[in-house]
Amino acid sequence: MNPKFILYFAWYYGFYVILRGPSYLVASLSLPLTLLFMVYIFSHGSLVAFAIAGGPIAIVASNSINGAADAAFFRLQIRIQDLFVATSISSQDYMLALSLSYLVFSLPGIVLYAVLGSYFHVFPLSSVFPVIGILILLTLTISNLSFIIAGLLKHIRNVWGITAILSIIMTVLPPTFYPYTFLPRDAIYFLSISPVTPAAILFQGFVGLEPLEIQMLFILLAEAVLLTLLGRRFIRWRE
């Protein structure tokens, strides 16, 4: 592992993207904030705590899945991946660096929702470390999914449509902005195909909005391991 490369790359491609293109940050926050507003209006404020709890999940998931566009662009267009292959940087270093950059890019949105959560008393202090752990694990899991998508693509023009569709499906259909207890048990396990579902259920449990379903942690960990292995296979590091 090359921690120096991972940290430098994540800092450059995460933090400096915010400075160079703040419009990207606004765009990444537009969907979660819009859904927060809609949930507040249609539920007359009764589900606003769930919408606030789902905000960080949605931000991390959408930024990470949009990473498929970055991975495909680096591989197919500017071929920076070919440069890394010729160095001591491994595929795992590269994958971790990009994943961490998405988490860095998500930090302003996470902080915004932390402020909202504090104002509406959604996030107790006891939930801080479990919540951080869930967000980190979800970032790594969805980022590995984005590497799989990028590795399967043969042309860059297809990636933005695919990621836009997946971003909506993975953030709106799972119980991200509504209580998971609204869903039948069979539907919960079906939606757990998306890592966002177990992450959202764990999030709601740790902040005390719904009963904690600890078995979802094992599902999320299993998906993280599986997608990591598949991501390393489909990244086409030696192409």
C-alpha atoms as a PDB file:
ATOM      1  CA  MET A   1       0.000   0.000   0.000  1.00  0.00           C
ATOM      2  CA  ASN A   2       1.160   3.528  -0.843  1.00  0.00           C
ATOM      3  CA  PRO A   3      -0.475   5.832   1.753  1.00  0.00           C
ATOM      4  CA  LYS A   4       1.378   8.923   0.496  1.00  0.00           C
ATOM      5  CA  PHE A   5      -0.078   8.543  -2.996  1.00  0.00           C
ATOM      6  CA  ILE A   6      -3.537   7.738  -1.619  1.00  0.00           C
ATOM      7  CA  LEU A   7      -3.635  10.839   0.581  1.00  0.00           C
ATOM      8  CA  TYR A   8      -2.178  13.195  -2.026  1.00  0.00           C
ATOM      9  CA  PHE A   9      -4.511  11.977  -4.749  1.00  0.00           C
ATOM     10  CA  ALA A  10      -7.550  12.128  -2.464  1.00  0.00           C
ATOM     11  CA  TRP A  11      -6.648  15.639  -1.347  1.00  0.00           C
ATOM     12  CA  TYR A  12      -6.090  16.843  -4.911  1.00  0.00           C
ATOM     13  CA  TYR A  13      -9.097  15.140  -6.500  1.00  0.00           C
ATOM     14  CA  GLY A  14     -11.384  15.673  -3.532  1.00  0.00           C
ATOM     15  CA  PHE A  15     -10.610  18.977  -1.850  1.00  0.00           C
ATOM     16  CA  TYR A  16      -9.296  20.922  -4.847  1.00  0.00           C
ATOM     17  CA  VAL A  17     -12.270  19.929  -6.989  1.00  0.00           C
ATOM     18  CA  ILE A  18     -14.432  21.798  -4.485  1.00  0.00           C
ATOM     19  CA  LEU A  19     -12.243  24.895  -4.839  1.00  0.00           C
ATOM     20  CA  ARG A  20     -11.970  24.726  -8.632  1.00  0.00           C
ATOM     21  CA  GLY A  21     -15.576  23.819  -9.352  1.00  0.00           C
ATOM     22  CA  PRO A  22     -17.976  24.692  -6.512  1.00  0.00           C
ATOM     23  CA  SER A  23     -20.869  24.184  -8.948  1.00  0.00           C
ATOM     24  CA  TYR A  24     -20.160  20.439  -8.783  1.00  0.00           C
ATOM     25  CA  LEU A  25     -20.615  20.593  -5.027  1.00  0.00           C
ATOM     26  CA  VAL A  26     -23.935  22.413  -5.408  1.00  0.00           C
ATOM     27  CA  ALA A  27     -25.056  19.830  -7.989  1.00  0.00           C
ATOM     28  CA  SER A  28     -24.205  16.946  -5.653  1.00  0.00           C
ATOM     29  CA  LEU A  29     -26.348  18.525  -2.922  1.00  0.00           C
ATOM     30  CA  SER A  30     -29.309  19.404  -5.145  1.00  0.00           C
ATOM     31  CA  LEU A  31     -31.058  15.996  -5.096  1.00  0.00           C
ATOM     32  CA  PRO A  32     -30.784  15.297  -1.321  1.00  0.00           C
ATOM     33  CA  LEU A  33     -31.874  18.832  -0.430  1.00  0.00           C
ATOM     34  CA  THR A  34     -34.754  18.694  -2.917  1.00  0.00           C
ATOM     35  CA  LEU A  35     -35.934  15.398  -1.455  1.00  0.00           C
ATOM     36  CA  LEU A  36     -35.576  16.831   2.056  1.00  0.00           C
ATOM     37  CA  PHE A  37     -37.845  19.719   1.058  1.00  0.00           C
ATOM     38  CA  MET A  38     -40.385  17.384  -0.574  1.00  0.00           C
ATOM     39  CA  VAL A  39     -40.445  15.024   2.411  1.00  0.00           C
ATOM     40  CA  TYR A  40     -40.942  17.980   4.752  1.00  0.00           C
ATOM     41  CA  ILE A  41     -43.840  19.329   2.656  1.00  0.00           C
ATOM     42  CA  PHE A  42     -45.676  16.075   1.948  1.00  0.00           C
ATOM     43  CA  SER A  43     -45.264  14.624   5.440  1.00  0.00           C
ATOM     44  CA  HIS A  44     -45.972  17.957   7.138  1.00  0.00           C
ATOM     45  CA  GLY A  45     -42.661  17.647   8.956  1.00  0.00           C
ATOM     46  CA  SER A  46     -43.353  14.239  10.503  1.00  0.00           C
ATOM     47  CA  LEU A  47     -40.619  12.475   8.478  1.00  0.00           C
ATOM     48  CA  VAL A  48     -38.079  15.287   8.352  1.00  0.00           C
ATOM     49  CA  ALA A  49     -35.756  13.424  10.748  1.00  0.00           C
ATOM     50  CA  PHE A  50     -35.583  10.502   8.310  1.00  0.00           C
ATOM     51  CA  ALA A  51     -34.874  12.837   5.411  1.00  0.00           C
ATOM     52  CA  ILE A  52     -32.044  14.449   7.379  1.00  0.00           C
ATOM     53  CA  ALA A  53     -30.637  11.057   8.364  1.00  0.00           C
ATOM     54  CA  GLY A  54     -30.787   9.925   4.738  1.00  0.00           C
ATOM     55  CA  GLY A  55     -28.995  12.995   3.405  1.00  0.00           C
ATOM     56  CA  PRO A  56     -25.398  11.890   4.159  1.00  0.00           C
ATOM     57  CA  ILE A  57     -26.161   8.403   2.814  1.00  0.00           C
ATOM     58  CA  ALA A  58     -27.521   9.836  -0.437  1.00  0.00           C
ATOM     59  CA  ILE A  59     -24.607  12.253  -0.855  1.00  0.00           C
ATOM     60  CA  VAL A  60     -21.957   9.593  -0.319  1.00  0.00           C
ATOM     61  CA  ALA A  61     -23.746   7.058  -2.533  1.00  0.00           C
ATOM     62  CA  SER A  62     -24.375   9.438  -5.452  1.00  0.00           C
ATOM     63  CA  ASN A  63     -20.844  10.869  -5.396  1.00  0.00           C
ATOM     64  CA  SER A  64     -19.335   7.394  -5.249  1.00  0.00           C
ATOM     65  CA  ILE A  65     -21.441   5.941  -8.080  1.00  0.00           C
ATOM     66  CA  ASN A  66     -20.676   8.992 -10.203  1.00  0.00           C
ATOM     67  CA  GLY A  67     -17.053   7.967  -9.755  1.00  0.00           C
ATOM     68  CA  ALA A  68     -17.644   5.485 -12.574  1.00  0.00           C
ATOM     69  CA  ALA A  69     -17.444   8.453 -14.934  1.00  0.00           C
ATOM     70  CA  ASP A  70     -14.068   9.468 -13.474  1.00  0.00           C
ATOM     71  CA  ALA A  71     -12.677   5.940 -13.625  1.00  0.00           C
ATOM     72  CA  ALA A  72     -13.853   5.479 -17.217  1.00  0.00           C
ATOM     73  CA  PHE A  73     -12.528   8.899 -18.244  1.00  0.00           C
ATOM     74  CA  PHE A  74      -9.126   8.209 -16.696  1.00  0.00           C
ATOM     75  CA  ARG A  75      -8.901   4.821 -18.407  1.00  0.00           C
ATOM     76  CA  LEU A  76     -10.399   5.536 -21.823  1.00  0.00           C
ATOM     77  CA  GLN A  77      -9.710   9.197 -22.526  1.00  0.00           C
ATOM     78  CA  ILE A  78      -6.642  10.604 -20.799  1.00  0.00           C
ATOM     79  CA  ARG A  79      -5.238   7.121 -19.967  1.00  0.00           C
ATOM     80  CA  ILE A  80      -3.789   8.209 -16.667  1.00  0.00           C
ATOM     81  CA  GLN A  81      -4.398   4.675 -15.428  1.00  0.00           C
ATOM     82  CA  ASP A  82      -1.750   3.461 -17.900  1.00  0.00           C
ATOM     83  CA  LEU A  83       0.763   5.809 -16.281  1.00  0.00           C
ATOM     84  CA  PHE A  84       0.039   4.413 -12.827  1.00  0.00           C
ATOM     85  CA  VAL A  85       0.394   0.841 -14.096  1.00  0.00           C
ATOM     86  CA  ALA A  86       3.996   1.602 -15.059  1.00  0.00           C
ATOM     87  CA  THR A  87       4.837   2.731 -11.508  1.00  0.00           C
ATOM     88  CA  SER A  88       4.905   1.063  -8.121  1.00  0.00           C
ATOM     89  CA  ILE A  89       1.283   2.158  -7.544  1.00  0.00           C
ATOM     90  CA  SER A  90      -1.007  -0.846  -7.311  1.00  0.00           C
ATOM     91  CA  SER A  91      -4.611  -1.162  -8.410  1.00  0.00           C
ATOM     92  CA  GLN A  92      -5.639  -1.201  -4.743  1.00  0.00           C
ATOM     93  CA  ASP A  93      -3.798   2.095  -4.138  1.00  0.00           C
ATOM     94  CA  TYR A  94      -5.565   3.656  -7.083  1.00  0.00           C
ATOM     95  CA  MET A  95      -8.979   2.380  -6.008  1.00  0.00           C
ATOM     96  CA  LEU A  96      -8.509   3.555  -2.425  1.00  0.00           C
ATOM     97  CA  ALA A  97      -7.282   6.956  -3.585  1.00  0.00           C
ATOM     98  CA  LEU A  98     -10.326   7.560  -5.766  1.00  0.00           C
ATOM     99  CA  SER A  99     -12.691   6.228  -3.092  1.00  0.00           C
ATOM    100  CA  LEU A 100     -11.190   8.510  -0.462  1.00  0.00           C
ATOM    101  CA  SER A 101     -11.422  11.483  -2.839  1.00  0.00           C
ATOM    102  CA  TYR A 102     -15.194  10.936  -3.113  1.00  0.00           C
ATOM    103  CA  LEU A 103     -15.478  10.893   0.660  1.00  0.00           C
ATOM    104  CA  VAL A 104     -13.476  14.140   0.888  1.00  0.00           C
ATOM    105  CA  PHE A 105     -15.702  15.707  -1.778  1.00  0.00           C
ATOM    106  CA  SER A 106     -18.765  14.620   0.231  1.00  0.00           C
ATOM    107  CA  LEU A 107     -17.557  16.247   3.470  1.00  0.00           C
ATOM    108  CA  PRO A 108     -19.220  19.674   2.956  1.00  0.00           C
ATOM    109  CA  GLY A 109     -22.574  17.983   2.411  1.00  0.00           C
ATOM    110  CA  ILE A 110     -22.055  15.713   5.399  1.00  0.00           C
ATOM    111  CA  VAL A 111     -21.210  18.744   7.557  1.00  0.00           C
ATOM    112  CA  LEU A 112     -24.327  20.557   6.298  1.00  0.00           C
ATOM    113  CA  TYR A 113     -26.518  17.624   7.292  1.00  0.00           C
ATOM    114  CA  ALA A 114     -24.699  17.318  10.609  1.00  0.00           C
ATOM    115  CA  VAL A 115     -25.707  20.923  11.332  1.00  0.00           C
ATOM    116  CA  LEU A 116     -29.299  20.189  10.316  1.00  0.00           C
ATOM    117  CA  GLY A 117     -29.261  17.039  12.418  1.00  0.00           C
ATOM    118  CA  SER A 118     -27.985  18.958  15.402  1.00  0.00           C
ATOM    119  CA  TYR A 119     -30.666  21.615  14.975  1.00  0.00           C
ATOM    120  CA  PHE A 120     -33.480  19.047  14.708  1.00  0.00           C
ATOM    121  CA  HIS A 121     -31.908  16.756  17.351  1.00  0.00           C
ATOM    122  CA  VAL A 122     -31.562  13.825  14.925  1.00  0.00           C
ATOM    123  CA  PHE A 123     -27.973  12.733  15.618  1.00  0.00           C
ATOM    124  CA  PRO A 124     -27.167  11.826  19.250  1.00  0.00           C
ATOM    125  CA  LEU A 125     -23.524  11.957  20.289  1.00  0.00           C
ATOM    126  CA  SER A 126     -23.472   8.200  20.820  1.00  0.00           C
ATOM    127  CA  SER A 127     -24.110   7.675  17.092  1.00  0.00           C
ATOM    128  CA  VAL A 128     -21.124   9.693  15.813  1.00  0.00           C
ATOM    129  CA  PHE A 129     -18.596   6.882  15.418  1.00  0.00           C
ATOM    130  CA  PRO A 130     -21.030   4.241  14.075  1.00  0.00           C
ATOM    131  CA  VAL A 131     -22.360   6.781  11.559  1.00  0.00           C
ATOM    132  CA  ILE A 132     -18.860   7.702  10.403  1.00  0.00           C
ATOM    133  CA  GLY A 133     -18.039   4.015  10.024  1.00  0.00           C
ATOM    134  CA  ILE A 134     -21.144   3.413   7.904  1.00  0.00           C
ATOM    135  CA  LEU A 135     -20.339   6.343   5.605  1.00  0.00           C
ATOM    136  CA  ILE A 136     -16.742   5.174   5.101  1.00  0.00           C
ATOM    137  CA  LEU A 137     -17.823   1.589   4.422  1.00  0.00           C
ATOM    138  CA  LEU A 138     -20.551   2.734   2.032  1.00  0.00           C
ATOM    139  CA  THR A 139     -18.084   4.939   0.147  1.00  0.00           C
ATOM    140  CA  LEU A 140     -15.690   2.048  -0.369  1.00  0.00           C
ATOM    141  CA  THR A 141     -18.493  -0.324  -1.384  1.00  0.00           C
ATOM    142  CA  ILE A 142     -20.192   1.954  -3.923  1.00  0.00           C
ATOM    143  CA  SER A 143     -16.833   3.130  -5.288  1.00  0.00           C
ATOM    144  CA  ASN A 144     -15.902  -0.476  -6.037  1.00  0.00           C
ATOM    145  CA  LEU A 145     -19.213  -0.835  -7.861  1.00  0.00           C
ATOM    146  CA  SER A 146     -18.281   2.217  -9.931  1.00  0.00           C
ATOM    147  CA  PHE A 147     -14.969   0.563 -10.882  1.00  0.00           C
ATOM    148  CA  ILE A 148     -16.889  -2.481 -12.100  1.00  0.00           C
ATOM    149  CA  ILE A 149     -19.145  -0.280 -14.246  1.00  0.00           C
ATOM    150  CA  ALA A 150     -16.190   1.679 -15.626  1.00  0.00           C
ATOM    151  CA  GLY A 151     -14.323  -1.526 -16.447  1.00  0.00           C
ATOM    152  CA  LEU A 152     -17.271  -2.892 -18.440  1.00  0.00           C
ATOM    153  CA  LEU A 153     -17.623   0.232 -20.571  1.00  0.00           C
ATOM    154  CA  LYS A 154     -15.990   0.438 -23.963  1.00  0.00           C
ATOM    155  CA  HIS A 155     -16.797   4.100 -24.653  1.00  0.00           C
ATOM    156  CA  ILE A 156     -16.994   7.118 -22.386  1.00  0.00           C
ATOM    157  CA  ARG A 157     -20.248   8.403 -23.886  1.00  0.00           C
ATOM    158  CA  ASN A 158     -22.294   5.711 -22.146  1.00  0.00           C
ATOM    159  CA  VAL A 159     -21.157   6.360 -18.599  1.00  0.00           C
ATOM    160  CA  TRP A 160     -23.068   9.522 -17.639  1.00  0.00           C
ATOM    161  CA  GLY A 161     -26.477   8.112 -18.511  1.00  0.00           C
ATOM    162  CA  ILE A 162     -25.771   4.912 -16.604  1.00  0.00           C
ATOM    163  CA  THR A 163     -24.521   6.697 -13.481  1.00  0.00           C
ATOM    164  CA  ALA A 164     -27.431   9.166 -13.513  1.00  0.00           C
ATOM    165  CA  ILE A 165     -29.961   6.326 -13.598  1.00  0.00           C
ATOM    166  CA  LEU A 166     -28.147   4.303 -10.932  1.00  0.00           C
ATOM    167  CA  SER A 167     -27.791   7.357  -8.699  1.00  0.00           C
ATOM    168  CA  ILE A 168     -31.569   7.878  -8.662  1.00  0.00           C
ATOM    169  CA  ILE A 169     -32.341   4.181  -8.201  1.00  0.00           C
ATOM    170  CA  MET A 170     -29.825   3.721  -5.396  1.00  0.00           C
ATOM    171  CA  THR A 171     -30.804   6.807  -3.402  1.00  0.00           C
ATOM    172  CA  VAL A 172     -34.578   7.060  -3.862  1.00  0.00           C
ATOM    173  CA  LEU A 173     -35.885   3.457  -3.895  1.00  0.00           C
ATOM    174  CA  PRO A 174     -34.057   2.207  -0.745  1.00  0.00           C
ATOM    175  CA  PRO A 175     -35.352   3.460   2.637  1.00  0.00           C
ATOM    176  CA  THR A 176     -32.984   6.404   2.604  1.00  0.00           C
ATOM    177  CA  PHE A 177     -35.508   9.188   3.181  1.00  0.00           C
ATOM    178  CA  TYR A 178     -38.298   7.204   4.821  1.00  0.00           C
ATOM    179  CA  PRO A 179     -38.560   4.610   7.650  1.00  0.00           C
ATOM    180  CA  TYR A 180     -37.484   1.140   6.625  1.00  0.00           C
ATOM    181  CA  THR A 181     -40.368  -0.240   8.713  1.00  0.00           C
ATOM    182  CA  PHE A 182     -42.720   0.998   5.983  1.00  0.00           C
ATOM    183  CA  LEU A 183     -41.437  -1.882   3.833  1.00  0.00           C
ATOM    184  CA  PRO A 184     -42.333  -5.585   4.064  1.00  0.00           C
ATOM    185  CA  ARG A 185     -39.470  -7.810   5.200  1.00  0.00           C
ATOM    186  CA  ASP A 186     -39.186  -9.432   1.765  1.00  0.00           C
ATOM    187  CA  ALA A 187     -38.918  -6.026   0.096  1.00  0.00           C
ATOM    188  CA  ILE A 188     -36.132  -5.022   2.489  1.00  0.00           C
ATOM    189  CA  TYR A 189     -34.022  -8.022   1.566  1.00  0.00           C
ATOM    190  CA  PHE A 190     -34.736  -7.517  -2.136  1.00  0.00           C
ATOM    191  CA  LEU A 191     -33.668  -3.855  -1.953  1.00  0.00           C
ATOM    192  CA  SER A 192     -30.549  -4.938  -0.048  1.00  0.00           C
ATOM    193  CA  ILE A 193     -29.077  -5.778  -3.446  1.00  0.00           C
ATOM    194  CA  SER A 194     -28.109  -2.124  -3.285  1.00  0.00           C
ATOM    195  CA  PRO A 195     -25.581  -1.428  -0.492  1.00  0.00           C
ATOM    196  CA  VAL A 196     -27.480   1.768   0.245  1.00  0.00           C
ATOM    197  CA  THR A 197     -30.334  -0.227   1.794  1.00  0.00           C
ATOM    198  CA  PRO A 198     -28.398  -1.910   4.647  1.00  0.00           C
ATOM    199  CA  ALA A 199     -26.446   1.328   5.185  1.00  0.00           C
ATOM    200  CA  ALA A 200     -29.656   3.360   5.511  1.00  0.00           C
ATOM    201  CA  ILE A 201     -31.248   0.799   7.843  1.00  0.00           C
ATOM    202  CA  LEU A 202     -28.160   0.774  10.062  1.00  0.00           C
ATOM    203  CA  PHE A 203     -28.066   4.569  10.007  1.00  0.00           C
ATOM    204  CA  GLN A 204     -31.676   4.827  11.157  1.00  0.00           C
ATOM    205  CA  GLY A 205     -30.978   2.292  13.885  1.00  0.00           C
ATOM    206  CA  PHE A 206     -27.830   3.949  15.213  1.00  0.00           C
ATOM    207  CA  VAL A 207     -29.425   7.404  15.426  1.00  0.00           C
ATOM    208  CA  GLY A 208     -32.452   5.931  17.217  1.00  0.00           C
ATOM    209  CA  LEU A 209     -35.121   6.570  14.603  1.00  0.00           C
ATOM    210  CA  GLU A 210     -35.940   2.862  14.135  1.00  0.00           C
ATOM    211  CA  PRO A 211     -34.937  -0.449  15.779  1.00  0.00           C
ATOM    212  CA  LEU A 212     -31.371  -1.447  14.995  1.00  0.00           C
ATOM    213  CA  GLU A 213     -31.124  -4.357  12.538  1.00  0.00           C
ATOM    214  CA  ILE A 214     -27.561  -5.490  13.219  1.00  0.00           C
ATOM    215  CA  GLN A 215     -27.718  -8.257  10.589  1.00  0.00           C
ATOM    216  CA  MET A 216     -27.643  -5.500   7.981  1.00  0.00           C
ATOM    217  CA  LEU A 217     -24.055  -4.854   9.007  1.00  0.00           C
ATOM    218  CA  PHE A 218     -23.088  -8.347   7.865  1.00  0.00           C
ATOM    219  CA  ILE A 219     -24.891  -7.815   4.557  1.00  0.00           C
ATOM    220  CA  LEU A 220     -23.072  -4.518   4.009  1.00  0.00           C
ATOM    221  CA  LEU A 221     -19.707  -6.083   4.896  1.00  0.00           C
ATOM    222  CA  ALA A 222     -20.346  -9.018   2.559  1.00  0.00           C
ATOM    223  CA  GLU A 223     -21.220  -6.636  -0.274  1.00  0.00           C
ATOM    224  CA  ALA A 224     -18.095  -4.583   0.452  1.00  0.00           C
ATOM    225  CA  VAL A 225     -15.858  -7.658   0.192  1.00  0.00           C
ATOM    226  CA  LEU A 226     -17.591  -8.992  -2.928  1.00  0.00           C
ATOM    227  CA  LEU A 227     -17.568  -5.670  -4.780  1.00  0.00           C
ATOM    228  CA  THR A 228     -13.932  -5.057  -3.818  1.00  0.00           C
ATOM    229  CA  LEU A 229     -12.898  -8.376  -5.330  1.00  0.00           C
ATOM    230  CA  LEU A 230     -14.963  -7.748  -8.457  1.00  0.00           C
ATOM    231  CA  GLY A 231     -13.708  -4.175  -8.705  1.00  0.00           C
ATOM    232  CA  ARG A 232     -10.098  -5.329  -8.703  1.00  0.00           C
ATOM    233  CA  ARG A 233     -10.933  -7.801 -11.441  1.00  0.00           C
ATOM    234  CA  PHE A 234     -12.788  -5.388 -13.716  1.00  0.00           C
ATOM    235  CA  ILE A 235     -10.546  -2.360 -13.290  1.00  0.00           C
ATOM    236  CA  ARG A 236      -8.417  -3.635 -16.212  1.00  0.00           C
ATOM    237  CA  TRP A 237      -5.187  -2.637 -14.491  1.00  0.00           C
ATOM    238  CA  ARG A 238      -2.976  -4.613 -16.911  1.00  0.00           C
ATOM    239  CA  GLU A 239      -4.861  -3.855 -20.095  1.00  0.00           C
END
